[in-house]
Amino acid sequence: MISADEKSQLQALRRKHPGLPPGPGRHAGVEFEYVRGGTLAYMAAYDVHHATVFGQIAPMTGIEPLTNLVEQVMTTQATPASTSIAQASGSAIRSRSFTRAVSRTEPRS
């Protein structure tokens, strides 16, 4: 059994300046300013029976990145061929195109 979800609009942030290492009697310095790097989407699937998490980062959500995640899950040796996605949310997961794409996924031998 696989539980899957997608998280869109994650801000990709990077620190503007490198942190300072700790010194004698001083904590490490961490810069608070950051540079924005746009937004990303994170898709994750959790294999309930094997306690395994699969994840992928993509520039946006949609059928193609989600189908890639399903392909990753279904081609893993720990995942039985009879596995089905039982719990899912997100607009791409609920679409008819995704349902058709998953039904075309070939079972492994």
Protein backbone atom coordinates (compact mmCIF):
# COMPACT_ATOMS: atom_id res chain seq x y z
CA MET A 1 0.00 0.00 0.00
CA ILE A 2 1.36 3.37 -1.02
CA SER A 3 0.37 6.76 0.39
CA ALA A 4 1.29 9.63 -1.95
CA ASP A 5 1.08 13.40 -1.82
CA GLU A 6 2.47 16.45 -3.55
CA LYS A 7 3.51 19.77 -2.05
CA SER A 8 3.67 22.67 -4.47
CA GLN A 9 4.95 26.22 -4.17
CA LEU A 10 7.93 25.46 -1.91
CA GLN A 11 10.30 28.42 -1.83
CA ALA A 12 13.86 27.56 -2.79
CA LEU A 13 16.01 29.73 -0.54
CA ARG A 14 19.78 30.03 -0.28
CA ARG A 15 21.78 31.89 2.35
CA LYS A 16 23.27 35.13 1.02
CA HIS A 17 26.54 34.73 2.98
CA PRO A 18 28.26 31.62 4.37
CA GLY A 19 27.95 30.92 8.08
CA LEU A 20 30.83 31.47 10.49
CA PRO A 21 32.29 28.49 12.35
CA PRO A 22 32.12 28.45 16.15
CA GLY A 23 35.13 29.80 17.98
CA PRO A 24 36.35 29.72 21.58
CA GLY A 25 33.49 31.00 23.73
CA ARG A 26 31.37 31.80 20.64
CA HIS A 27 28.50 30.03 18.91
CA ALA A 28 28.45 29.47 15.15
CA GLY A 29 27.23 32.46 13.17
CA VAL A 30 24.33 31.95 10.78
CA GLU A 31 23.41 34.62 8.27
CA PHE A 32 19.74 35.58 8.28
CA GLU A 33 19.62 37.09 4.78
CA TYR A 34 18.75 34.83 1.87
CA VAL A 35 18.42 34.83 -1.91
CA ARG A 36 15.22 33.55 -3.47
CA GLY A 37 15.54 30.76 -6.03
CA GLY A 38 11.95 30.49 -7.26
CA THR A 39 9.50 27.77 -6.29
CA LEU A 40 9.69 24.00 -6.50
CA ALA A 41 7.32 21.08 -6.02
CA TYR A 42 8.01 18.04 -3.83
CA MET A 43 6.27 14.73 -4.45
CA ALA A 44 6.52 11.89 -1.98
CA ALA A 45 5.22 8.35 -1.71
CA TYR A 46 5.34 6.23 1.43
CA ASP A 47 5.38 2.42 1.24
CA VAL A 48 3.35 1.60 4.35
CA HIS A 49 4.42 -2.04 4.64
CA HIS A 50 8.17 -1.47 4.21
CA ALA A 51 8.45 1.98 5.89
CA THR A 52 10.17 3.39 2.81
CA VAL A 53 9.82 6.96 1.58
CA PHE A 54 10.34 7.88 -2.08
CA GLY A 55 10.61 11.53 -3.03
CA GLN A 56 11.30 13.74 -6.00
CA ILE A 57 11.75 17.46 -6.50
CA ALA A 58 10.45 19.00 -9.72
CA PRO A 59 10.08 22.54 -11.08
CA MET A 60 6.28 22.15 -10.93
CA THR A 61 3.57 19.62 -10.15
CA GLY A 62 1.68 17.72 -12.81
CA ILE A 63 1.15 14.36 -14.43
CA GLU A 64 4.69 13.88 -15.74
CA PRO A 65 6.61 14.38 -12.45
CA LEU A 66 4.03 12.32 -10.57
CA THR A 67 4.19 9.51 -13.13
CA ASN A 68 8.00 9.53 -12.71
CA LEU A 69 7.52 9.09 -8.95
CA VAL A 70 5.12 6.18 -9.48
CA GLU A 71 7.62 4.60 -11.88
CA GLN A 72 10.35 4.97 -9.23
CA VAL A 73 8.16 3.30 -6.60
CA MET A 74 6.96 0.48 -8.83
CA THR A 75 10.44 -0.41 -10.12
CA THR A 76 11.89 -0.81 -6.63
CA GLN A 77 12.52 -4.41 -5.59
CA ALA A 78 10.96 -3.89 -2.14
CA THR A 79 7.61 -2.93 -3.69
CA PRO A 80 5.39 -5.91 -4.58
CA ALA A 81 3.90 -5.95 -8.08
CA SER A 82 0.39 -6.00 -6.60
CA THR A 83 0.89 -2.64 -4.82
CA SER A 84 -1.78 -0.02 -5.31
CA ILE A 85 -1.97 3.65 -4.41
CA ALA A 86 -4.59 3.69 -1.71
CA GLN A 87 -4.31 7.18 -0.30
CA ALA A 88 -3.48 10.17 -2.41
CA SER A 89 -4.21 13.84 -2.65
CA GLY A 90 -3.26 16.69 -4.93
CA SER A 91 -4.77 17.86 -8.19
CA ALA A 92 -2.48 15.75 -10.41
CA ILE A 93 -3.17 12.58 -8.44
CA ARG A 94 -6.94 13.03 -8.71
CA SER A 95 -6.88 13.64 -12.47
CA ARG A 96 -8.09 11.16 -15.09
CA SER A 97 -4.78 11.46 -16.98
CA PHE A 98 -2.86 10.21 -13.94
CA THR A 99 -5.27 7.30 -13.47
CA ARG A 100 -4.70 6.28 -17.10
CA ALA A 101 -0.91 6.66 -16.73
CA VAL A 102 -0.82 4.45 -13.61
CA SER A 103 -2.98 1.78 -15.23
CA ARG A 104 -0.45 1.59 -18.12
CA THR A 105 2.46 0.97 -15.70
CA GLU A 106 3.82 -2.48 -16.44
CA PRO A 107 4.17 -4.80 -13.43
CA ARG A 108 7.71 -5.92 -12.67
CA SER A 109 8.86 -9.50 -12.98
